[in-house]
């Protein structure tokens, strides 16, 4: 069963706030994986660049690591904006 189907099965009747908690939990794991992987590649970058096969530009590799790092940060910031401060969302819309 796909993760989407699994989530719908278990959380289909959940409130919007409960769904945001689930969204945060489910998306945080792959975001942390990207962040950790980017950090490992960044730490080993110098050594990796020294043994890249012909045709792979070390600058391209370094840019890719940089973009992965930025993408992970952007995804984490978006997730935080959507899920961390749910109380403000309720207040802005007159609920709460």
PDB file of N, CA and C in Angstrom:
ATOM      1  N   UNK A   1       0.853  -1.182   0.000  1.00  0.00           N
ATOM      2  CA  UNK A   1       0.000   0.000   0.000  1.00  0.00           C
ATOM      3  C   UNK A   1       0.896   1.241   0.000  1.00  0.00           C
ATOM      4  N   UNK A   2       0.581   2.187  -0.853  1.00  0.00           N
ATOM      5  CA  UNK A   2       1.354   3.425  -0.932  1.00  0.00           C
ATOM      6  C   UNK A   2       1.146   4.237   0.338  1.00  0.00           C
ATOM      7  N   UNK A   3       2.138   5.052   0.679  1.00  0.00           N
ATOM      8  CA  UNK A   3       2.049   5.843   1.907  1.00  0.00           C
ATOM      9  C   UNK A   3       0.821   6.752   1.894  1.00  0.00           C
ATOM     10  N   UNK A   4       0.488   7.288   0.724  1.00  0.00           N
ATOM     11  CA  UNK A   4      -0.688   8.145   0.625  1.00  0.00           C
ATOM     12  C   UNK A   4      -1.947   7.379   1.027  1.00  0.00           C
ATOM     13  N   UNK A   5      -2.094   6.175   0.505  1.00  0.00           N
ATOM     14  CA  UNK A   5      -3.261   5.356   0.832  1.00  0.00           C
ATOM     15  C   UNK A   5      -3.281   4.994   2.311  1.00  0.00           C
ATOM     16  N   UNK A   6      -2.124   4.689   2.840  1.00  0.00           N
ATOM     17  CA  UNK A   6      -2.009   4.338   4.262  1.00  0.00           C
ATOM     18  C   UNK A   6      -2.423   5.518   5.141  1.00  0.00           C
ATOM     19  N   UNK A   7      -1.952   6.694   4.794  1.00  0.00           N
ATOM     20  CA  UNK A   7      -2.312   7.889   5.569  1.00  0.00           C
ATOM     21  C   UNK A   7      -3.805   8.180   5.466  1.00  0.00           C
ATOM     22  N   UNK A   8      -4.349   8.060   4.262  1.00  0.00           N
ATOM     23  CA  UNK A   8      -5.795   8.296   4.086  1.00  0.00           C
ATOM     24  C   UNK A   8      -6.610   7.295   4.902  1.00  0.00           C
ATOM     25  N   UNK A   9      -6.156   6.057   4.945  1.00  0.00           N
ATOM     26  CA  UNK A   9      -6.860   5.017   5.684  1.00  0.00           C
ATOM     27  C   UNK A   9      -6.890   5.341   7.173  1.00  0.00           C
ATOM     28  N   UNK A  10      -5.757   5.786   7.713  1.00  0.00           N
ATOM     29  CA  UNK A  10      -5.659   6.014   9.155  1.00  0.00           C
ATOM     30  C   UNK A  10      -6.076   7.415   9.590  1.00  0.00           C
ATOM     31  N   UNK A  11      -5.951   8.382   8.703  1.00  0.00           N
ATOM     32  CA  UNK A  11      -6.185   9.766   9.114  1.00  0.00           C
ATOM     33  C   UNK A  11      -7.241  10.482   8.276  1.00  0.00           C
ATOM     34  N   UNK A  12      -7.970   9.753   7.464  1.00  0.00           N
ATOM     35  CA  UNK A  12      -8.966  10.364   6.598  1.00  0.00           C
ATOM     36  C   UNK A  12     -10.019  11.167   7.347  1.00  0.00           C
ATOM     37  N   UNK A  13     -10.403  10.712   8.529  1.00  0.00           N
ATOM     38  CA  UNK A  13     -11.438  11.402   9.298  1.00  0.00           C
ATOM     39  C   UNK A  13     -10.854  12.352  10.341  1.00  0.00           C
ATOM     40  N   UNK A  14      -9.549  12.518  10.353  1.00  0.00           N
ATOM     41  CA  UNK A  14      -8.899  13.380  11.344  1.00  0.00           C
ATOM     42  C   UNK A  14      -9.206  14.847  11.056  1.00  0.00           C
ATOM     43  N   UNK A  15      -9.075  15.658  12.103  1.00  0.00           N
ATOM     44  CA  UNK A  15      -9.269  17.098  11.923  1.00  0.00           C
ATOM     45  C   UNK A  15      -8.107  17.660  11.112  1.00  0.00           C
ATOM     46  N   UNK A  16      -8.285  18.865  10.599  1.00  0.00           N
ATOM     47  CA  UNK A  16      -7.230  19.511   9.815  1.00  0.00           C
ATOM     48  C   UNK A  16      -5.966  19.673  10.650  1.00  0.00           C
ATOM     49  N   UNK A  17      -6.120  20.016  11.917  1.00  0.00           N
ATOM     50  CA  UNK A  17      -4.947  20.184  12.783  1.00  0.00           C
ATOM     51  C   UNK A  17      -4.219  18.853  12.981  1.00  0.00           C
ATOM     52  N   UNK A  18      -4.968  17.782  13.176  1.00  0.00           N
ATOM     53  CA  UNK A  18      -4.349  16.462  13.320  1.00  0.00           C
ATOM     54  C   UNK A  18      -3.621  16.066  12.041  1.00  0.00           C
ATOM     55  N   UNK A  19      -4.211  16.404  10.903  1.00  0.00           N
ATOM     56  CA  UNK A  19      -3.574  16.094   9.626  1.00  0.00           C
ATOM     57  C   UNK A  19      -2.269  16.873   9.460  1.00  0.00           C
ATOM     58  N   UNK A  20      -2.227  18.109   9.956  1.00  0.00           N
ATOM     59  CA  UNK A  20      -0.984  18.880   9.898  1.00  0.00           C
ATOM     60  C   UNK A  20       0.105  18.244  10.750  1.00  0.00           C
ATOM     61  N   UNK A  21      -0.274  17.699  11.893  1.00  0.00           N
ATOM     62  CA  UNK A  21       0.697  17.008  12.750  1.00  0.00           C
ATOM     63  C   UNK A  21       1.255  15.792  12.012  1.00  0.00           C
ATOM     64  N   UNK A  22       0.378  15.049  11.360  1.00  0.00           N
ATOM     65  CA  UNK A  22       0.800  13.879  10.582  1.00  0.00           C
ATOM     66  C   UNK A  22       1.675  14.315   9.414  1.00  0.00           C
ATOM     67  N   UNK A  23       1.262  15.369   8.718  1.00  0.00           N
ATOM     68  CA  UNK A  23       2.055  15.897   7.606  1.00  0.00           C
ATOM     69  C   UNK A  23       3.462  16.228   8.065  1.00  0.00           C
ATOM     70  N   UNK A  24       3.571  16.920   9.175  1.00  0.00           N
ATOM     71  CA  UNK A  24       4.881  17.301   9.704  1.00  0.00           C
ATOM     72  C   UNK A  24       5.726  16.062   9.995  1.00  0.00           C
ATOM     73  N   UNK A  25       5.127  15.094  10.688  1.00  0.00           N
ATOM     74  CA  UNK A  25       5.866  13.887  11.057  1.00  0.00           C
ATOM     75  C   UNK A  25       6.332  13.118   9.821  1.00  0.00           C
ATOM     76  N   UNK A  26       5.448  12.981   8.848  1.00  0.00           N
ATOM     77  CA  UNK A  26       5.777  12.193   7.662  1.00  0.00           C
ATOM     78  C   UNK A  26       6.780  12.880   6.741  1.00  0.00           C
ATOM     79  N   UNK A  27       6.722  14.205   6.650  1.00  0.00           N
ATOM     80  CA  UNK A  27       7.642  14.922   5.762  1.00  0.00           C
ATOM     81  C   UNK A  27       8.982  15.220   6.415  1.00  0.00           C
ATOM     82  N   UNK A  28       9.007  15.272   7.728  1.00  0.00           N
ATOM     83  CA  UNK A  28      10.256  15.592   8.413  1.00  0.00           C
ATOM     84  C   UNK A  28      11.322  14.524   8.172  1.00  0.00           C
ATOM     85  N   UNK A  29      10.908  13.267   8.137  1.00  0.00           N
ATOM     86  CA  UNK A  29      11.864  12.166   7.948  1.00  0.00           C
ATOM     87  C   UNK A  29      12.636  12.285   6.628  1.00  0.00           C
ATOM     88  N   UNK A  30      11.965  12.436   5.472  1.00  0.00           N
ATOM     89  CA  UNK A  30      12.751  12.558   4.242  1.00  0.00           C
ATOM     90  C   UNK A  30      13.531  13.864   4.163  1.00  0.00           C
ATOM     91  N   UNK A  31      13.023  14.925   4.777  1.00  0.00           N
ATOM     92  CA  UNK A  31      13.766  16.187   4.781  1.00  0.00           C
ATOM     93  C   UNK A  31      15.059  16.017   5.570  1.00  0.00           C
ATOM     94  N   UNK A  32      14.980  15.358   6.719  1.00  0.00           N
ATOM     95  CA  UNK A  32      16.189  15.121   7.516  1.00  0.00           C
ATOM     96  C   UNK A  32      17.173  14.223   6.776  1.00  0.00           C
ATOM     97  N   UNK A  33      16.647  13.289   5.997  1.00  0.00           N
ATOM     98  CA  UNK A  33      17.512  12.423   5.193  1.00  0.00           C
ATOM     99  C   UNK A  33      18.280  13.243   4.166  1.00  0.00           C
ATOM    100  N   UNK A  34      17.603  14.162   3.493  1.00  0.00           N
ATOM    101  CA  UNK A  34      18.263  15.023   2.507  1.00  0.00           C
ATOM    102  C   UNK A  34      19.294  15.910   3.201  1.00  0.00           C
ATOM    103  N   UNK A  35      18.930  16.489   4.343  1.00  0.00           N
ATOM    104  CA  UNK A  35      19.867  17.340   5.083  1.00  0.00           C
ATOM    105  C   UNK A  35      21.110  16.550   5.499  1.00  0.00           C
ATOM    106  N   UNK A  36      20.907  15.362   6.036  1.00  0.00           N
ATOM    107  CA  UNK A  36      22.035  14.533   6.483  1.00  0.00           C
ATOM    108  C   UNK A  36      22.915  14.123   5.310  1.00  0.00           C
ATOM    109  N   UNK A  37      22.286  13.733   4.208  1.00  0.00           N
ATOM    110  CA  UNK A  37      23.047  13.326   3.031  1.00  0.00           C
ATOM    111  C   UNK A  37      23.860  14.486   2.469  1.00  0.00           C
ATOM    112  N   UNK A  38      23.242  15.661   2.403  1.00  0.00           N
ATOM    113  CA  UNK A  38      23.949  16.839   1.909  1.00  0.00           C
ATOM    114  C   UNK A  38      25.134  17.163   2.813  1.00  0.00           C
ATOM    115  N   UNK A  39      24.948  17.025   4.115  1.00  0.00           N
ATOM    116  CA  UNK A  39      26.035  17.307   5.067  1.00  0.00           C
ATOM    117  C   UNK A  39      27.182  16.309   4.880  1.00  0.00           C
ATOM    118  N   UNK A  40      26.854  15.039   4.719  1.00  0.00           N
ATOM    119  CA  UNK A  40      27.887  14.026   4.477  1.00  0.00           C
ATOM    120  C   UNK A  40      28.652  14.315   3.193  1.00  0.00           C
ATOM    121  N   UNK A  41      27.935  14.646   2.134  1.00  0.00           N
ATOM    122  CA  UNK A  41      28.587  14.963   0.857  1.00  0.00           C
ATOM    123  C   UNK A  41      29.441  16.218   0.979  1.00  0.00           C
ATOM    124  N   UNK A  42      28.942  17.189   1.726  1.00  0.00           N
ATOM    125  CA  UNK A  42      29.720  18.414   1.922  1.00  0.00           C
ATOM    126  C   UNK A  42      31.010  18.121   2.693  1.00  0.00           C
ATOM    127  N   UNK A  43      30.895  17.329   3.749  1.00  0.00           N
ATOM    128  CA  UNK A  43      32.072  16.990   4.562  1.00  0.00           C
ATOM    129  C   UNK A  43      33.112  16.196   3.776  1.00  0.00           C
ATOM    130  N   UNK A  44      32.641  15.315   2.891  1.00  0.00           N
ATOM    131  CA  UNK A  44      33.549  14.474   2.114  1.00  0.00           C
ATOM    132  C   UNK A  44      33.832  15.051   0.734  1.00  0.00           C
ATOM    133  N   UNK A  45      33.293  16.227   0.456  1.00  0.00           N
ATOM    134  CA  UNK A  45      33.363  16.812  -0.877  1.00  0.00           C
ATOM    135  C   UNK A  45      34.748  16.902  -1.467  1.00  0.00           C
ATOM    136  N   UNK A  46      35.688  17.357  -0.688  1.00  0.00           N
ATOM    137  CA  UNK A  46      37.068  17.520  -1.184  1.00  0.00           C
ATOM    138  C   UNK A  46      37.627  16.174  -1.644  1.00  0.00           C
ATOM    139  N   UNK A  47      37.439  15.155  -0.835  1.00  0.00           N
ATOM    140  CA  UNK A  47      37.946  13.827  -1.176  1.00  0.00           C
ATOM    141  C   UNK A  47      37.188  13.231  -2.361  1.00  0.00           C
ATOM    142  N   UNK A  48      35.887  13.454  -2.391  1.00  0.00           N
ATOM    143  CA  UNK A  48      35.086  12.925  -3.499  1.00  0.00           C
ATOM    144  C   UNK A  48      35.490  13.594  -4.810  1.00  0.00           C
ATOM    145  N   UNK A  49      35.702  14.907  -4.764  1.00  0.00           N
ATOM    146  CA  UNK A  49      36.066  15.641  -5.988  1.00  0.00           C
ATOM    147  C   UNK A  49      37.385  15.129  -6.565  1.00  0.00           C
ATOM    148  N   UNK A  50      38.271  14.651  -5.704  1.00  0.00           N
ATOM    149  CA  UNK A  50      39.565  14.142  -6.171  1.00  0.00           C
ATOM    150  C   UNK A  50      39.451  12.812  -6.899  1.00  0.00           C
ATOM    151  N   UNK A  51      38.326  12.118  -6.743  1.00  0.00           N
ATOM    152  CA  UNK A  51      38.216  10.813  -7.416  1.00  0.00           C
ATOM    153  C   UNK A  51      36.965  10.689  -8.271  1.00  0.00           C
ATOM    154  N   UNK A  52      36.441  11.815  -8.719  1.00  0.00           N
ATOM    155  CA  UNK A  52      35.307  11.769  -9.638  1.00  0.00           C
ATOM    156  C   UNK A  52      35.745  11.215 -10.983  1.00  0.00           C
ATOM    157  N   UNK A  53      34.887  10.435 -11.632  1.00  0.00           N
ATOM    158  CA  UNK A  53      35.242   9.919 -12.957  1.00  0.00           C
ATOM    159  C   UNK A  53      35.327  11.051 -13.976  1.00  0.00           C
ATOM    160  N   UNK A  54      36.025  10.769 -15.043  1.00  0.00           N
ATOM    161  CA  UNK A  54      36.142  11.738 -16.130  1.00  0.00           C
ATOM    162  C   UNK A  54      34.760  12.112 -16.634  1.00  0.00           C
ATOM    163  N   UNK A  55      34.593  13.350 -16.976  1.00  0.00           N
ATOM    164  CA  UNK A  55      33.307  13.809 -17.482  1.00  0.00           C
ATOM    165  C   UNK A  55      32.404  14.393 -16.407  1.00  0.00           C
ATOM    166  N   UNK A  56      32.771  14.211 -15.150  1.00  0.00           N
ATOM    167  CA  UNK A  56      31.995  14.828 -14.067  1.00  0.00           C
ATOM    168  C   UNK A  56      32.836  15.953 -13.492  1.00  0.00           C
ATOM    169  N   UNK A  57      32.328  17.131 -13.642  1.00  0.00           N
ATOM    170  CA  UNK A  57      33.027  18.333 -13.229  1.00  0.00           C
ATOM    171  C   UNK A  57      32.927  18.485 -11.706  1.00  0.00           C
ATOM    172  N   UNK A  58      34.056  18.657 -11.003  1.00  0.00           N
ATOM    173  CA  UNK A  58      34.015  18.847  -9.551  1.00  0.00           C
ATOM    174  C   UNK A  58      33.152  20.043  -9.140  1.00  0.00           C
ATOM    175  N   UNK A  59      33.165  21.089  -9.965  1.00  0.00           N
ATOM    176  CA  UNK A  59      32.345  22.263  -9.646  1.00  0.00           C
ATOM    177  C   UNK A  59      30.854  21.908  -9.711  1.00  0.00           C
ATOM    178  N   UNK A  60      30.487  21.075 -10.676  1.00  0.00           N
ATOM    179  CA  UNK A  60      29.104  20.623 -10.792  1.00  0.00           C
ATOM    180  C   UNK A  60      28.701  19.808  -9.566  1.00  0.00           C
ATOM    181  N   UNK A  61      29.608  18.951  -9.107  1.00  0.00           N
ATOM    182  CA  UNK A  61      29.348  18.165  -7.901  1.00  0.00           C
ATOM    183  C   UNK A  61      29.139  19.092  -6.706  1.00  0.00           C
ATOM    184  N   UNK A  62      30.011  20.059  -6.534  1.00  0.00           N
ATOM    185  CA  UNK A  62      29.901  20.991  -5.409  1.00  0.00           C
ATOM    186  C   UNK A  62      28.617  21.811  -5.487  1.00  0.00           C
ATOM    187  N   UNK A  63      28.238  22.216  -6.700  1.00  0.00           N
ATOM    188  CA  UNK A  63      26.980  22.945  -6.864  1.00  0.00           C
ATOM    189  C   UNK A  63      25.781  22.075  -6.490  1.00  0.00           C
ATOM    190  N   UNK A  64      25.836  20.810  -6.872  1.00  0.00           N
ATOM    191  CA  UNK A  64      24.749  19.889  -6.545  1.00  0.00           C
ATOM    192  C   UNK A  64      24.607  19.740  -5.033  1.00  0.00           C
ATOM    193  N   UNK A  65      25.717  19.613  -4.338  1.00  0.00           N
ATOM    194  CA  UNK A  65      25.685  19.516  -2.876  1.00  0.00           C
ATOM    195  C   UNK A  65      25.102  20.801  -2.284  1.00  0.00           C
ATOM    196  N   UNK A  66      25.523  21.925  -2.813  1.00  0.00           N
ATOM    197  CA  UNK A  66      25.006  23.215  -2.345  1.00  0.00           C
ATOM    198  C   UNK A  66      23.494  23.290  -2.566  1.00  0.00           C
ATOM    199  N   UNK A  67      23.035  22.877  -3.752  1.00  0.00           N
ATOM    200  CA  UNK A  67      21.611  22.925  -4.070  1.00  0.00           C
ATOM    201  C   UNK A  67      20.798  21.967  -3.192  1.00  0.00           C
ATOM    202  N   UNK A  68      21.366  20.793  -2.905  1.00  0.00           N
ATOM    203  CA  UNK A  68      20.701  19.860  -1.994  1.00  0.00           C
ATOM    204  C   UNK A  68      20.548  20.474  -0.606  1.00  0.00           C
ATOM    205  N   UNK A  69      21.602  21.115  -0.140  1.00  0.00           N
ATOM    206  CA  UNK A  69      21.565  21.766   1.169  1.00  0.00           C
ATOM    207  C   UNK A  69      20.505  22.861   1.195  1.00  0.00           C
ATOM    208  N   UNK A  70      20.482  23.684   0.165  1.00  0.00           N
ATOM    209  CA  UNK A  70      19.496  24.766   0.085  1.00  0.00           C
ATOM    210  C   UNK A  70      18.072  24.211  -0.035  1.00  0.00           C
ATOM    211  N   UNK A  71      17.905  23.164  -0.829  1.00  0.00           N
ATOM    212  CA  UNK A  71      16.582  22.573  -1.012  1.00  0.00           C
ATOM    213  C   UNK A  71      16.062  21.992   0.306  1.00  0.00           C
ATOM    214  N   UNK A  72      16.922  21.308   1.044  1.00  0.00           N
ATOM    215  CA  UNK A  72      16.516  20.741   2.326  1.00  0.00           C
ATOM    216  C   UNK A  72      16.104  21.846   3.295  1.00  0.00           C
ATOM    217  N   UNK A  73      16.867  22.934   3.317  1.00  0.00           N
ATOM    218  CA  UNK A  73      16.531  24.057   4.196  1.00  0.00           C
ATOM    219  C   UNK A  73      15.206  24.675   3.775  1.00  0.00           C
ATOM    220  N   UNK A  74      15.021  24.863   2.474  1.00  0.00           N
ATOM    221  CA  UNK A  74      13.771  25.434   1.980  1.00  0.00           C
ATOM    222  C   UNK A  74      12.577  24.547   2.343  1.00  0.00           C
ATOM    223  N   UNK A  75      12.727  23.240   2.146  1.00  0.00           N
ATOM    224  CA  UNK A  75      11.647  22.317   2.480  1.00  0.00           C
ATOM    225  C   UNK A  75      11.336  22.351   3.970  1.00  0.00           C
ATOM    226  N   UNK A  76      12.373  22.401   4.796  1.00  0.00           N
ATOM    227  CA  UNK A  76      12.173  22.467   6.246  1.00  0.00           C
ATOM    228  C   UNK A  76      11.469  23.773   6.625  1.00  0.00           C
ATOM    229  N   UNK A  77      11.880  24.880   6.019  1.00  0.00           N
ATOM    230  CA  UNK A  77      11.239  26.173   6.301  1.00  0.00           C
ATOM    231  C   UNK A  77       9.772  26.171   5.885  1.00  0.00           C
ATOM    232  N   UNK A  78       9.479  25.578   4.728  1.00  0.00           N
ATOM    233  CA  UNK A  78       8.095  25.491   4.263  1.00  0.00           C
ATOM    234  C   UNK A  78       7.276  24.630   5.218  1.00  0.00           C
ATOM    235  N   UNK A  79       7.829  23.489   5.608  1.00  0.00           N
ATOM    236  CA  UNK A  79       7.132  22.607   6.533  1.00  0.00           C
ATOM    237  C   UNK A  79       6.871  23.316   7.852  1.00  0.00           C
ATOM    238  N   UNK A  80       7.865  24.030   8.356  1.00  0.00           N
ATOM    239  CA  UNK A  80       7.685  24.776   9.601  1.00  0.00           C
ATOM    240  C   UNK A  80       6.599  25.837   9.452  1.00  0.00           C
ATOM    241  N   UNK A  81       6.626  26.547   8.346  1.00  0.00           N
ATOM    242  CA  UNK A  81       5.631  27.599   8.115  1.00  0.00           C
ATOM    243  C   UNK A  81       4.218  27.015   8.055  1.00  0.00           C
ATOM    244  N   UNK A  82       4.092  25.818   7.507  1.00  0.00           N
ATOM    245  CA  UNK A  82       2.780  25.202   7.376  1.00  0.00           C
ATOM    246  C   UNK A  82       2.281  24.556   8.661  1.00  0.00           C
ATOM    247  N   UNK A  83       3.194  24.094   9.509  1.00  0.00           N
ATOM    248  CA  UNK A  83       2.756  23.232  10.604  1.00  0.00           C
ATOM    249  C   UNK A  83       3.133  23.673  12.007  1.00  0.00           C
ATOM    250  N   UNK A  84       4.152  24.464  12.194  1.00  0.00           N
ATOM    251  CA  UNK A  84       4.618  24.758  13.553  1.00  0.00           C
ATOM    252  C   UNK A  84       3.670  25.666  14.310  1.00  0.00           C
ATOM    253  N   UNK A  85       3.273  26.758  13.709  1.00  0.00           N
ATOM    254  CA  UNK A  85       2.503  27.752  14.440  1.00  0.00           C
ATOM    255  C   UNK A  85       1.037  27.713  14.029  1.00  0.00           C
ATOM    256  N   UNK A  86       0.410  26.590  14.295  1.00  0.00           N
ATOM    257  CA  UNK A  86      -0.982  26.407  13.907  1.00  0.00           C
ATOM    258  C   UNK A  86      -1.910  27.349  14.668  1.00  0.00           C
ATOM    259  N   UNK A  87      -1.529  27.771  15.881  1.00  0.00           N
ATOM    260  CA  UNK A  87      -2.367  28.667  16.676  1.00  0.00           C
ATOM    261  C   UNK A  87      -2.563  29.992  15.958  1.00  0.00           C
ATOM    262  N   UNK A  88      -1.536  30.516  15.308  1.00  0.00           N
ATOM    263  CA  UNK A  88      -1.658  31.778  14.588  1.00  0.00           C
ATOM    264  C   UNK A  88      -2.634  31.659  13.426  1.00  0.00           C
ATOM    265  N   UNK A  89      -2.657  30.516  12.775  1.00  0.00           N
ATOM    266  CA  UNK A  89      -3.578  30.313  11.659  1.00  0.00           C
ATOM    267  C   UNK A  89      -5.010  30.389  12.181  1.00  0.00           C
ATOM    268  N   UNK A  90      -5.288  29.737  13.291  1.00  0.00           N
ATOM    269  CA  UNK A  90      -6.635  29.764  13.866  1.00  0.00           C
ATOM    270  C   UNK A  90      -7.018  31.194  14.239  1.00  0.00           C
ATOM    271  N   UNK A  91      -6.098  31.938  14.848  1.00  0.00           N
ATOM    272  CA  UNK A  91      -6.378  33.311  15.267  1.00  0.00           C
ATOM    273  C   UNK A  91      -6.659  34.207  14.068  1.00  0.00           C
ATOM    274  N   UNK A  92      -5.892  34.055  12.989  1.00  0.00           N
ATOM    275  CA  UNK A  92      -6.054  34.887  11.812  1.00  0.00           C
ATOM    276  C   UNK A  92      -7.407  34.666  11.152  1.00  0.00           C
ATOM    277  N   UNK A  93      -7.972  33.489  11.331  1.00  0.00           N
ATOM    278  CA  UNK A  93      -9.246  33.165  10.678  1.00  0.00           C
ATOM    279  C   UNK A  93     -10.412  33.211  11.658  1.00  0.00           C
ATOM    280  N   UNK A  94     -10.188  33.818  12.821  1.00  0.00           N
ATOM    281  CA  UNK A  94     -11.275  33.999  13.778  1.00  0.00           C
ATOM    282  C   UNK A  94     -11.635  32.781  14.599  1.00  0.00           C
ATOM    283  N   UNK A  95     -10.909  31.713  14.478  1.00  0.00           N
ATOM    284  CA  UNK A  95     -11.174  30.526  15.297  1.00  0.00           C
ATOM    285  C   UNK A  95     -10.231  30.542  16.485  1.00  0.00           C
ATOM    286  N   UNK A  96     -10.557  29.817  17.498  1.00  0.00           N
ATOM    287  CA  UNK A  96      -9.588  29.676  18.563  1.00  0.00           C
ATOM    288  C   UNK A  96     -10.134  30.044  19.829  1.00  0.00           C
TER     289      UNK A  96
END
